[in-house]
Amino acid sequence: MNVHIVVKLKSSYEAWHALFVNDAENRTKICDESKTLVGKADNTTALVTLFDVDMEAMGAMMSDPEFHKNRLIYL
């Protein structure tokens, strides 16, 4: 399944994007990272599209407290 996400940021897009780029290894566990698209909608909003998402794995990742630790996004 493909997933499109609107991300409301607590920080600037640039600060969030740096975190997002550095998290690529984790995303490889839930989707085809080579196809991931990310863009800036405005200073406090990002758009992300993930392809071939394993929804069960994504749910497990999103419910893990470690995932939320030090994140700069609202979920």
C-alpha atoms as a PDB file:
ATOM      1  CA  MET A   1       0.000   0.000   0.000  1.00  0.00           C
ATOM      2  CA  ASN A   2       1.167   3.561  -0.689  1.00  0.00           C
ATOM      3  CA  VAL A   3       0.725   6.198   2.021  1.00  0.00           C
ATOM      4  CA  HIS A   4       0.646   9.999   1.688  1.00  0.00           C
ATOM      5  CA  ILE A   5       1.243  11.928   4.922  1.00  0.00           C
ATOM      6  CA  VAL A   6       0.809  15.600   5.775  1.00  0.00           C
ATOM      7  CA  VAL A   7       3.232  16.315   8.624  1.00  0.00           C
ATOM      8  CA  LYS A   8       2.592  19.293  10.932  1.00  0.00           C
ATOM      9  CA  LEU A   9       5.979  20.348  12.296  1.00  0.00           C
ATOM     10  CA  LYS A  10       6.973  21.623  15.730  1.00  0.00           C
ATOM     11  CA  SER A  11      10.188  22.999  14.238  1.00  0.00           C
ATOM     12  CA  SER A  12      11.284  24.456  10.927  1.00  0.00           C
ATOM     13  CA  TYR A  13      11.061  22.310   7.827  1.00  0.00           C
ATOM     14  CA  GLU A  14      14.856  22.340   7.540  1.00  0.00           C
ATOM     15  CA  ALA A  15      15.373  20.969  11.076  1.00  0.00           C
ATOM     16  CA  TRP A  16      12.716  18.296  10.509  1.00  0.00           C
ATOM     17  CA  HIS A  17      14.093  17.373   7.078  1.00  0.00           C
ATOM     18  CA  ALA A  18      17.550  16.727   8.546  1.00  0.00           C
ATOM     19  CA  LEU A  19      15.991  14.292  11.038  1.00  0.00           C
ATOM     20  CA  PHE A  20      13.903  12.686   8.280  1.00  0.00           C
ATOM     21  CA  VAL A  21      16.917  12.134   6.015  1.00  0.00           C
ATOM     22  CA  ASN A  22      18.887  10.577   8.882  1.00  0.00           C
ATOM     23  CA  ASP A  23      16.015   8.161   9.594  1.00  0.00           C
ATOM     24  CA  ALA A  24      16.124   6.445   6.189  1.00  0.00           C
ATOM     25  CA  GLU A  25      17.445   3.183   7.638  1.00  0.00           C
ATOM     26  CA  ASN A  26      14.362   2.855   9.866  1.00  0.00           C
ATOM     27  CA  ARG A  27      12.026   3.518   6.923  1.00  0.00           C
ATOM     28  CA  THR A  28      13.612   0.682   4.948  1.00  0.00           C
ATOM     29  CA  LYS A  29      12.025  -1.644   7.508  1.00  0.00           C
ATOM     30  CA  ILE A  30       8.497  -0.531   6.569  1.00  0.00           C
ATOM     31  CA  CYS A  31       8.578   0.628   2.925  1.00  0.00           C
ATOM     32  CA  ASP A  32      10.528   0.864  -0.337  1.00  0.00           C
ATOM     33  CA  GLU A  33      12.754   3.749   0.766  1.00  0.00           C
ATOM     34  CA  SER A  34      14.187   4.161  -2.739  1.00  0.00           C
ATOM     35  CA  LYS A  35      10.802   5.532  -3.842  1.00  0.00           C
ATOM     36  CA  THR A  36      10.097   7.789  -0.821  1.00  0.00           C
ATOM     37  CA  LEU A  37       9.096  11.339  -1.739  1.00  0.00           C
ATOM     38  CA  VAL A  38       9.332  14.285   0.654  1.00  0.00           C
ATOM     39  CA  GLY A  39       8.657  17.960   0.134  1.00  0.00           C
ATOM     40  CA  LYS A  40       8.069  21.258   1.856  1.00  0.00           C
ATOM     41  CA  ALA A  41       4.525  22.610   1.781  1.00  0.00           C
ATOM     42  CA  ASP A  42       5.448  25.583   3.989  1.00  0.00           C
ATOM     43  CA  ASN A  43       7.698  26.346   6.961  1.00  0.00           C
ATOM     44  CA  THR A  44       5.690  24.160   9.323  1.00  0.00           C
ATOM     45  CA  THR A  45       4.263  21.508   6.987  1.00  0.00           C
ATOM     46  CA  ALA A  46       5.921  18.664   5.099  1.00  0.00           C
ATOM     47  CA  LEU A  47       4.461  16.180   2.624  1.00  0.00           C
ATOM     48  CA  VAL A  48       5.696  12.584   2.574  1.00  0.00           C
ATOM     49  CA  THR A  49       4.720   9.731   0.267  1.00  0.00           C
ATOM     50  CA  LEU A  50       5.808   6.197   1.150  1.00  0.00           C
ATOM     51  CA  PHE A  51       5.493   3.323  -1.322  1.00  0.00           C
ATOM     52  CA  ASP A  52       4.924  -0.379  -0.793  1.00  0.00           C
ATOM     53  CA  VAL A  53       4.288   0.159   2.911  1.00  0.00           C
ATOM     54  CA  ASP A  54       4.012  -2.824   5.244  1.00  0.00           C
ATOM     55  CA  MET A  55       1.112  -1.416   7.280  1.00  0.00           C
ATOM     56  CA  GLU A  56       1.578  -3.881  10.147  1.00  0.00           C
ATOM     57  CA  ALA A  57       5.253  -2.954  10.476  1.00  0.00           C
ATOM     58  CA  MET A  58       4.393   0.748  10.236  1.00  0.00           C
ATOM     59  CA  GLY A  59       1.803   0.399  13.015  1.00  0.00           C
ATOM     60  CA  ALA A  60       4.351  -1.326  15.231  1.00  0.00           C
ATOM     61  CA  MET A  61       6.930   1.392  14.559  1.00  0.00           C
ATOM     62  CA  MET A  62       4.457   4.213  15.228  1.00  0.00           C
ATOM     63  CA  SER A  63       3.365   2.669  18.544  1.00  0.00           C
ATOM     64  CA  ASP A  64       6.948   2.204  19.783  1.00  0.00           C
ATOM     65  CA  PRO A  65       7.793   4.857  22.435  1.00  0.00           C
ATOM     66  CA  GLU A  66      11.372   4.966  21.121  1.00  0.00           C
ATOM     67  CA  PHE A  67      10.055   6.185  17.755  1.00  0.00           C
ATOM     68  CA  HIS A  68       8.496   9.227  19.416  1.00  0.00           C
ATOM     69  CA  LYS A  69      11.502  10.034  21.551  1.00  0.00           C
ATOM     70  CA  ASN A  70      13.201  13.207  20.291  1.00  0.00           C
ATOM     71  CA  ARG A  71      10.896  13.489  17.265  1.00  0.00           C
ATOM     72  CA  LEU A  72      10.212  16.965  15.923  1.00  0.00           C
ATOM     73  CA  ILE A  73       6.791  16.213  14.462  1.00  0.00           C
ATOM     74  CA  TYR A  74       3.179  16.079  15.570  1.00  0.00           C
ATOM     75  CA  LEU A  75       1.648  12.693  14.819  1.00  0.00           C
END
